Amino acid sequence: MEKKFLIVDQAILPEVFSKVLKAKELLASGSAKNVSAATKMVDLSRSAFYKYKDSIFDFENTKAIVTVKAVLLDETGALQSLLSELSASGASIVTINQSAPENGTAVVSVTIRTDSMPMPLDDVLRRIQTQRTVVSVHRNVKEIG
């Protein structure tokens, strides 16, 4: 069965959905050591948590995190230039993954938070594309679920 996602105002949903989100946040932040502790903290049954945990997401938080994938020339300073441009744009770098260079290029994935950026990400990507050591750059589209 194909998944279909809806954006719904949290105010009209049963309270159990808000509690599942809160429990997931507690687990992600380390405020709760395990599912039992998280569900107890939000007054939610473990069975309800497990029933809904893979179907409920916080849209506001997911839209602020983006993965940028770039193919860079295998030259000194290429990664530094990419990261400098992202940082200068106001993006907050969350993770960096780089493959081993092959045939003179390396693939780099940088996950960033975009909520503090004063300019659109597409403008930043256009500026990055003009760097001499960048072969290509684009945002990865991530499916939820």
N, C-alpha and C. Protein backbone atom coordinates (compact mmCIF):
# COMPACT_ATOMS: atom_id res chain seq x y z
N MET A 1 0.84 -1.19 0.00
CA MET A 1 0.00 0.00 0.00
C MET A 1 0.88 1.25 0.00
N GLU A 2 0.59 2.17 -0.87
CA GLU A 2 1.36 3.41 -0.98
C GLU A 2 1.05 4.32 0.20
N LYS A 3 2.12 4.90 0.76
CA LYS A 3 1.92 5.83 1.87
C LYS A 3 1.46 7.17 1.33
N LYS A 4 0.57 7.81 2.05
CA LYS A 4 0.08 9.14 1.69
C LYS A 4 0.14 9.98 2.96
N PHE A 5 0.80 11.13 2.88
CA PHE A 5 0.95 11.99 4.04
C PHE A 5 0.06 13.20 3.94
N LEU A 6 -0.46 13.63 5.07
CA LEU A 6 -1.31 14.80 5.17
C LEU A 6 -0.69 15.77 6.16
N ILE A 7 -0.93 17.03 5.96
CA ILE A 7 -0.54 18.04 6.95
C ILE A 7 -1.83 18.45 7.64
N VAL A 8 -1.86 18.23 8.95
CA VAL A 8 -3.07 18.47 9.73
C VAL A 8 -2.71 19.33 10.94
N ASP A 9 -3.54 20.28 11.26
CA ASP A 9 -3.34 21.11 12.46
C ASP A 9 -3.38 20.22 13.69
N GLN A 10 -2.34 20.28 14.48
CA GLN A 10 -2.22 19.44 15.67
C GLN A 10 -3.39 19.64 16.64
N ALA A 11 -3.98 20.81 16.65
CA ALA A 11 -5.06 21.13 17.59
C ALA A 11 -6.30 20.24 17.39
N ILE A 12 -6.49 19.71 16.19
CA ILE A 12 -7.69 18.90 15.97
C ILE A 12 -7.46 17.40 16.17
N LEU A 13 -6.23 17.02 16.42
CA LEU A 13 -5.89 15.60 16.58
C LEU A 13 -6.06 15.13 18.02
N PRO A 14 -6.30 13.83 18.21
CA PRO A 14 -6.34 13.29 19.57
C PRO A 14 -5.00 13.51 20.28
N GLU A 15 -5.05 13.66 21.56
CA GLU A 15 -3.86 13.97 22.36
C GLU A 15 -2.76 12.92 22.24
N VAL A 16 -3.12 11.69 21.94
CA VAL A 16 -2.14 10.61 21.84
C VAL A 16 -1.05 10.95 20.81
N PHE A 17 -1.41 11.62 19.72
CA PHE A 17 -0.43 11.95 18.69
C PHE A 17 0.61 12.96 19.20
N SER A 18 0.16 13.94 19.95
CA SER A 18 1.09 14.92 20.54
C SER A 18 2.02 14.24 21.54
N LYS A 19 1.48 13.29 22.28
CA LYS A 19 2.29 12.57 23.27
C LYS A 19 3.35 11.70 22.58
N VAL A 20 2.99 11.10 21.47
CA VAL A 20 3.96 10.30 20.72
C VAL A 20 5.10 11.20 20.23
N LEU A 21 4.76 12.37 19.68
CA LEU A 21 5.79 13.31 19.23
C LEU A 21 6.69 13.73 20.38
N LYS A 22 6.10 14.04 21.51
CA LYS A 22 6.88 14.47 22.68
C LYS A 22 7.81 13.34 23.14
N ALA A 23 7.31 12.11 23.16
CA ALA A 23 8.14 10.97 23.57
C ALA A 23 9.31 10.79 22.59
N LYS A 24 9.04 10.94 21.30
CA LYS A 24 10.12 10.84 20.31
C LYS A 24 11.17 11.93 20.52
N GLU A 25 10.72 13.15 20.85
CA GLU A 25 11.66 14.25 21.13
C GLU A 25 12.50 13.95 22.36
N LEU A 26 11.89 13.41 23.40
CA LEU A 26 12.62 13.07 24.62
C LEU A 26 13.69 12.02 24.33
N LEU A 27 13.36 11.04 23.51
CA LEU A 27 14.33 10.01 23.15
C LEU A 27 15.47 10.60 22.31
N ALA A 28 15.12 11.42 21.34
CA ALA A 28 16.12 12.00 20.44
C ALA A 28 17.08 12.93 21.18
N SER A 29 16.57 13.65 22.15
CA SER A 29 17.41 14.61 22.89
C SER A 29 18.22 13.95 24.00
N GLY A 30 17.88 12.69 24.32
CA GLY A 30 18.57 12.01 25.41
C GLY A 30 17.96 12.29 26.77
N SER A 31 16.88 13.06 26.80
CA SER A 31 16.21 13.36 28.08
C SER A 31 15.56 12.11 28.66
N ALA A 32 15.23 11.16 27.80
CA ALA A 32 14.71 9.86 28.24
C ALA A 32 15.67 8.80 27.72
N LYS A 33 16.04 7.88 28.59
CA LYS A 33 17.04 6.86 28.22
C LYS A 33 16.47 5.75 27.35
N ASN A 34 15.15 5.51 27.44
CA ASN A 34 14.54 4.43 26.66
C ASN A 34 13.05 4.73 26.47
N VAL A 35 12.39 3.87 25.72
CA VAL A 35 10.97 4.07 25.41
C VAL A 35 10.12 4.05 26.67
N SER A 36 10.44 3.15 27.58
CA SER A 36 9.67 3.07 28.83
C SER A 36 9.71 4.40 29.58
N ALA A 37 10.90 4.97 29.70
CA ALA A 37 11.03 6.25 30.41
C ALA A 37 10.31 7.37 29.67
N ALA A 38 10.45 7.43 28.35
CA ALA A 38 9.82 8.49 27.56
C ALA A 38 8.30 8.42 27.67
N THR A 39 7.75 7.22 27.54
CA THR A 39 6.28 7.11 27.59
C THR A 39 5.76 7.42 28.99
N LYS A 40 6.51 7.05 30.00
CA LYS A 40 6.10 7.36 31.37
C LYS A 40 6.10 8.88 31.59
N MET A 41 7.10 9.56 31.04
CA MET A 41 7.22 11.01 31.22
C MET A 41 6.07 11.77 30.58
N VAL A 42 5.49 11.23 29.51
CA VAL A 42 4.39 11.92 28.81
C VAL A 42 3.03 11.28 29.07
N ASP A 43 3.00 10.31 29.97
CA ASP A 43 1.77 9.62 30.34
C ASP A 43 1.11 8.97 29.12
N LEU A 44 1.87 8.06 28.50
CA LEU A 44 1.44 7.39 27.28
C LEU A 44 1.76 5.91 27.42
N SER A 45 0.91 5.05 26.93
CA SER A 45 1.21 3.62 26.98
C SER A 45 2.28 3.30 25.93
N ARG A 46 3.09 2.30 26.25
CA ARG A 46 4.12 1.88 25.30
C ARG A 46 3.48 1.34 24.02
N SER A 47 2.36 0.65 24.16
CA SER A 47 1.71 0.09 22.97
C SER A 47 1.24 1.20 22.03
N ALA A 48 0.73 2.30 22.57
CA ALA A 48 0.30 3.43 21.73
C ALA A 48 1.53 4.06 21.06
N PHE A 49 2.62 4.17 21.79
CA PHE A 49 3.85 4.72 21.21
C PHE A 49 4.29 3.88 20.02
N TYR A 50 4.39 2.57 20.22
CA TYR A 50 4.84 1.68 19.14
C TYR A 50 3.86 1.65 17.97
N LYS A 51 2.59 1.80 18.26
CA LYS A 51 1.57 1.78 17.20
C LYS A 51 1.74 2.97 16.25
N TYR A 52 2.09 4.15 16.79
CA TYR A 52 2.11 5.38 15.99
C TYR A 52 3.49 5.95 15.69
N LYS A 53 4.54 5.47 16.33
CA LYS A 53 5.86 6.13 16.24
C LYS A 53 6.41 6.27 14.82
N ASP A 54 6.12 5.31 13.97
CA ASP A 54 6.65 5.36 12.61
C ASP A 54 5.73 6.07 11.62
N SER A 55 4.63 6.63 12.13
CA SER A 55 3.66 7.31 11.26
C SER A 55 3.45 8.77 11.61
N ILE A 56 4.09 9.23 12.68
CA ILE A 56 3.90 10.62 13.13
C ILE A 56 5.24 11.34 13.09
N PHE A 57 5.25 12.50 12.42
CA PHE A 57 6.47 13.29 12.28
C PHE A 57 6.16 14.75 12.54
N ASP A 58 7.16 15.46 13.05
CA ASP A 58 7.01 16.89 13.29
C ASP A 58 7.43 17.62 12.02
N PHE A 59 6.46 18.09 11.26
CA PHE A 59 6.71 18.75 9.98
C PHE A 59 7.62 19.97 10.13
N GLU A 60 7.42 20.76 11.16
CA GLU A 60 8.23 21.97 11.35
C GLU A 60 9.71 21.64 11.49
N ASN A 61 10.03 20.57 12.18
CA ASN A 61 11.43 20.20 12.35
C ASN A 61 12.02 19.55 11.11
N THR A 62 11.26 18.76 10.39
CA THR A 62 11.82 18.08 9.23
C THR A 62 12.07 19.03 8.07
N LYS A 63 11.28 20.08 7.95
CA LYS A 63 11.50 20.97 6.81
C LYS A 63 12.72 21.86 7.00
N ALA A 64 13.25 21.95 8.21
CA ALA A 64 14.40 22.79 8.47
C ALA A 64 15.72 22.04 8.32
N ILE A 65 15.66 20.73 8.07
CA ILE A 65 16.87 19.94 7.90
C ILE A 65 16.92 19.42 6.48
N VAL A 66 18.02 19.70 5.80
CA VAL A 66 18.18 19.34 4.39
C VAL A 66 19.56 18.73 4.20
N THR A 67 19.64 17.75 3.31
CA THR A 67 20.94 17.19 2.95
C THR A 67 21.34 17.72 1.58
N VAL A 68 22.53 18.27 1.51
CA VAL A 68 23.10 18.79 0.28
C VAL A 68 24.15 17.79 -0.18
N LYS A 69 24.05 17.37 -1.43
CA LYS A 69 25.00 16.40 -1.97
C LYS A 69 25.83 17.10 -3.05
N ALA A 70 27.14 16.97 -2.94
CA ALA A 70 28.02 17.62 -3.90
C ALA A 70 29.08 16.64 -4.39
N VAL A 71 29.46 16.79 -5.64
CA VAL A 71 30.60 16.08 -6.19
C VAL A 71 31.71 17.12 -6.32
N LEU A 72 32.81 16.85 -5.62
CA LEU A 72 33.92 17.81 -5.57
C LEU A 72 35.15 17.23 -6.24
N LEU A 73 35.96 18.09 -6.84
CA LEU A 73 37.24 17.66 -7.37
C LEU A 73 38.13 17.27 -6.19
N ASP A 74 38.96 16.29 -6.39
CA ASP A 74 39.88 15.83 -5.35
C ASP A 74 41.07 16.78 -5.28
N GLU A 75 40.81 17.95 -4.71
CA GLU A 75 41.84 18.99 -4.56
C GLU A 75 41.81 19.54 -3.15
N THR A 76 42.95 19.94 -2.66
CA THR A 76 43.04 20.55 -1.34
C THR A 76 42.15 21.79 -1.29
N GLY A 77 41.35 21.88 -0.24
CA GLY A 77 40.50 23.05 -0.03
C GLY A 77 39.10 22.94 -0.61
N ALA A 78 38.81 21.89 -1.38
CA ALA A 78 37.49 21.77 -2.01
C ALA A 78 36.40 21.65 -0.95
N LEU A 79 36.58 20.77 0.01
CA LEU A 79 35.59 20.59 1.07
C LEU A 79 35.49 21.85 1.92
N GLN A 80 36.63 22.45 2.22
CA GLN A 80 36.66 23.69 3.01
C GLN A 80 35.85 24.79 2.34
N SER A 81 35.97 24.93 1.03
CA SER A 81 35.22 25.96 0.30
C SER A 81 33.72 25.71 0.36
N LEU A 82 33.33 24.46 0.19
CA LEU A 82 31.91 24.10 0.26
C LEU A 82 31.35 24.42 1.64
N LEU A 83 32.04 23.99 2.68
CA LEU A 83 31.57 24.21 4.05
C LEU A 83 31.57 25.70 4.41
N SER A 84 32.54 26.43 3.93
CA SER A 84 32.60 27.88 4.19
C SER A 84 31.39 28.60 3.60
N GLU A 85 31.02 28.21 2.38
CA GLU A 85 29.86 28.85 1.73
C GLU A 85 28.58 28.51 2.48
N LEU A 86 28.43 27.27 2.90
CA LEU A 86 27.24 26.89 3.66
C LEU A 86 27.18 27.64 4.98
N SER A 87 28.29 27.71 5.66
CA SER A 87 28.35 28.41 6.94
C SER A 87 28.09 29.90 6.78
N ALA A 88 28.67 30.51 5.76
CA ALA A 88 28.47 31.94 5.51
C ALA A 88 27.02 32.26 5.18
N SER A 89 26.28 31.29 4.65
CA SER A 89 24.88 31.51 4.29
C SER A 89 23.96 31.46 5.52
N GLY A 90 24.52 31.08 6.67
CA GLY A 90 23.71 31.00 7.88
C GLY A 90 23.24 29.59 8.20
N ALA A 91 23.63 28.63 7.36
CA ALA A 91 23.25 27.24 7.61
C ALA A 91 24.06 26.71 8.78
N SER A 92 23.43 25.85 9.55
CA SER A 92 24.12 25.19 10.66
C SER A 92 24.41 23.75 10.21
N ILE A 93 25.67 23.37 10.20
CA ILE A 93 26.06 22.06 9.71
C ILE A 93 25.81 21.01 10.79
N VAL A 94 25.06 19.97 10.41
CA VAL A 94 24.69 18.90 11.34
C VAL A 94 25.61 17.70 11.17
N THR A 95 25.77 17.21 9.94
CA THR A 95 26.66 16.08 9.67
C THR A 95 27.37 16.27 8.35
N ILE A 96 28.53 15.61 8.22
CA ILE A 96 29.29 15.62 6.97
C ILE A 96 29.73 14.19 6.69
N ASN A 97 29.46 13.72 5.49
CA ASN A 97 29.92 12.40 5.05
C ASN A 97 30.61 12.57 3.71
N GLN A 98 31.81 11.99 3.59
CA GLN A 98 32.55 12.11 2.34
C GLN A 98 33.05 10.73 1.91
N SER A 99 32.87 10.42 0.64
CA SER A 99 33.39 9.16 0.11
C SER A 99 34.88 9.32 -0.18
N ALA A 100 35.54 8.19 -0.33
CA ALA A 100 36.94 8.23 -0.74
C ALA A 100 37.00 8.74 -2.19
N PRO A 101 38.00 9.53 -2.51
CA PRO A 101 38.10 10.03 -3.88
C PRO A 101 38.26 8.88 -4.89
N GLU A 102 37.58 9.06 -6.02
CA GLU A 102 37.64 8.06 -7.09
C GLU A 102 37.60 8.79 -8.42
N ASN A 103 38.53 8.50 -9.28
CA ASN A 103 38.62 9.15 -10.60
C ASN A 103 38.68 10.67 -10.49
N GLY A 104 39.35 11.16 -9.47
CA GLY A 104 39.57 12.60 -9.34
C GLY A 104 38.45 13.38 -8.67
N THR A 105 37.39 12.69 -8.21
CA THR A 105 36.30 13.38 -7.52
C THR A 105 35.89 12.61 -6.26
N ALA A 106 35.20 13.30 -5.38
CA ALA A 106 34.66 12.69 -4.17
C ALA A 106 33.24 13.20 -3.96
N VAL A 107 32.37 12.33 -3.48
CA VAL A 107 30.99 12.71 -3.19
C VAL A 107 30.91 13.09 -1.71
N VAL A 108 30.29 14.25 -1.46
CA VAL A 108 30.14 14.75 -0.10
C VAL A 108 28.66 15.00 0.16
N SER A 109 28.17 14.50 1.30
CA SER A 109 26.80 14.80 1.74
C SER A 109 26.90 15.60 3.02
N VAL A 110 26.27 16.77 3.02
CA VAL A 110 26.29 17.64 4.19
C VAL A 110 24.84 17.88 4.61
N THR A 111 24.51 17.48 5.83
CA THR A 111 23.17 17.74 6.35
C THR A 111 23.23 19.05 7.13
N ILE A 112 22.29 19.95 6.81
CA ILE A 112 22.30 21.28 7.42
C ILE A 112 20.92 21.63 7.97
N ARG A 113 20.91 22.52 8.92
CA ARG A 113 19.67 23.15 9.39
C ARG A 113 19.54 24.46 8.64
N THR A 114 18.38 24.68 8.05
CA THR A 114 18.19 25.87 7.21
C THR A 114 17.33 26.94 7.87
N ASP A 115 16.83 26.67 9.09
CA ASP A 115 15.89 27.60 9.71
C ASP A 115 16.48 28.96 10.04
N SER A 116 17.81 29.07 10.10
CA SER A 116 18.41 30.38 10.41
C SER A 116 19.01 31.05 9.17
N MET A 117 18.74 30.50 8.01
CA MET A 117 19.28 31.07 6.78
C MET A 117 18.41 32.23 6.30
N PRO A 118 19.01 33.39 6.05
CA PRO A 118 18.23 34.54 5.58
C PRO A 118 17.90 34.49 4.09
N MET A 119 18.51 33.55 3.36
CA MET A 119 18.28 33.46 1.91
C MET A 119 17.81 32.05 1.55
N PRO A 120 17.15 31.89 0.42
CA PRO A 120 16.70 30.57 0.00
C PRO A 120 17.87 29.63 -0.27
N LEU A 121 17.70 28.36 0.04
CA LEU A 121 18.75 27.37 -0.17
C LEU A 121 19.15 27.30 -1.65
N ASP A 122 18.20 27.43 -2.55
CA ASP A 122 18.53 27.36 -3.98
C ASP A 122 19.53 28.44 -4.39
N ASP A 123 19.44 29.62 -3.78
CA ASP A 123 20.41 30.69 -4.07
C ASP A 123 21.81 30.29 -3.59
N VAL A 124 21.87 29.67 -2.43
CA VAL A 124 23.16 29.21 -1.89
C VAL A 124 23.75 28.13 -2.79
N LEU A 125 22.90 27.20 -3.24
CA LEU A 125 23.40 26.13 -4.11
C LEU A 125 23.91 26.68 -5.43
N ARG A 126 23.27 27.70 -5.96
CA ARG A 126 23.76 28.34 -7.20
C ARG A 126 25.14 28.95 -6.98
N ARG A 127 25.35 29.57 -5.82
CA ARG A 127 26.66 30.16 -5.52
C ARG A 127 27.72 29.07 -5.37
N ILE A 128 27.35 27.97 -4.72
CA ILE A 128 28.30 26.86 -4.54
C ILE A 128 28.67 26.27 -5.90
N GLN A 129 27.70 26.15 -6.80
CA GLN A 129 27.96 25.56 -8.11
C GLN A 129 29.00 26.35 -8.89
N THR A 130 29.17 27.63 -8.59
CA THR A 130 30.15 28.44 -9.31
C THR A 130 31.58 28.23 -8.81
N GLN A 131 31.75 27.53 -7.70
CA GLN A 131 33.10 27.27 -7.19
C GLN A 131 33.84 26.35 -8.17
N ARG A 132 35.10 26.63 -8.39
CA ARG A 132 35.92 25.90 -9.35
C ARG A 132 36.03 24.41 -9.02
N THR A 133 36.02 24.07 -7.75
CA THR A 133 36.21 22.67 -7.35
C THR A 133 34.91 21.87 -7.23
N VAL A 134 33.77 22.51 -7.55
CA VAL A 134 32.47 21.83 -7.46
C VAL A 134 32.06 21.34 -8.85
N VAL A 135 31.89 20.02 -8.97
CA VAL A 135 31.44 19.43 -10.23
C VAL A 135 29.92 19.55 -10.32
N SER A 136 29.24 19.20 -9.22
CA SER A 136 27.79 19.34 -9.17
C SER A 136 27.35 19.45 -7.71
N VAL A 137 26.17 20.04 -7.52
CA VAL A 137 25.61 20.17 -6.18
C VAL A 137 24.09 20.20 -6.29
N HIS A 138 23.42 19.52 -5.37
CA HIS A 138 21.95 19.56 -5.32
C HIS A 138 21.48 19.15 -3.95
N ARG A 139 20.24 19.45 -3.68
CA ARG A 139 19.66 19.02 -2.40
C ARG A 139 19.08 17.64 -2.58
N ASN A 140 19.30 16.79 -1.60
CA ASN A 140 18.70 15.45 -1.62
C ASN A 140 17.26 15.55 -1.18
N VAL A 141 16.40 14.85 -1.87
CA VAL A 141 15.00 14.78 -1.48
C VAL A 141 14.87 13.56 -0.59
N LYS A 142 14.41 13.77 0.64
CA LYS A 142 14.31 12.69 1.61
C LYS A 142 12.85 12.35 1.84
N GLU A 143 12.53 11.08 1.71
CA GLU A 143 11.17 10.64 1.98
C GLU A 143 10.99 10.41 3.46
N ILE A 144 9.88 10.82 4.01
CA ILE A 144 9.55 10.54 5.41
C ILE A 144 8.90 9.18 5.46
N GLY A 145 9.36 8.35 6.39
CA GLY A 145 8.73 7.04 6.57
C GLY A 145 9.41 6.02 5.85
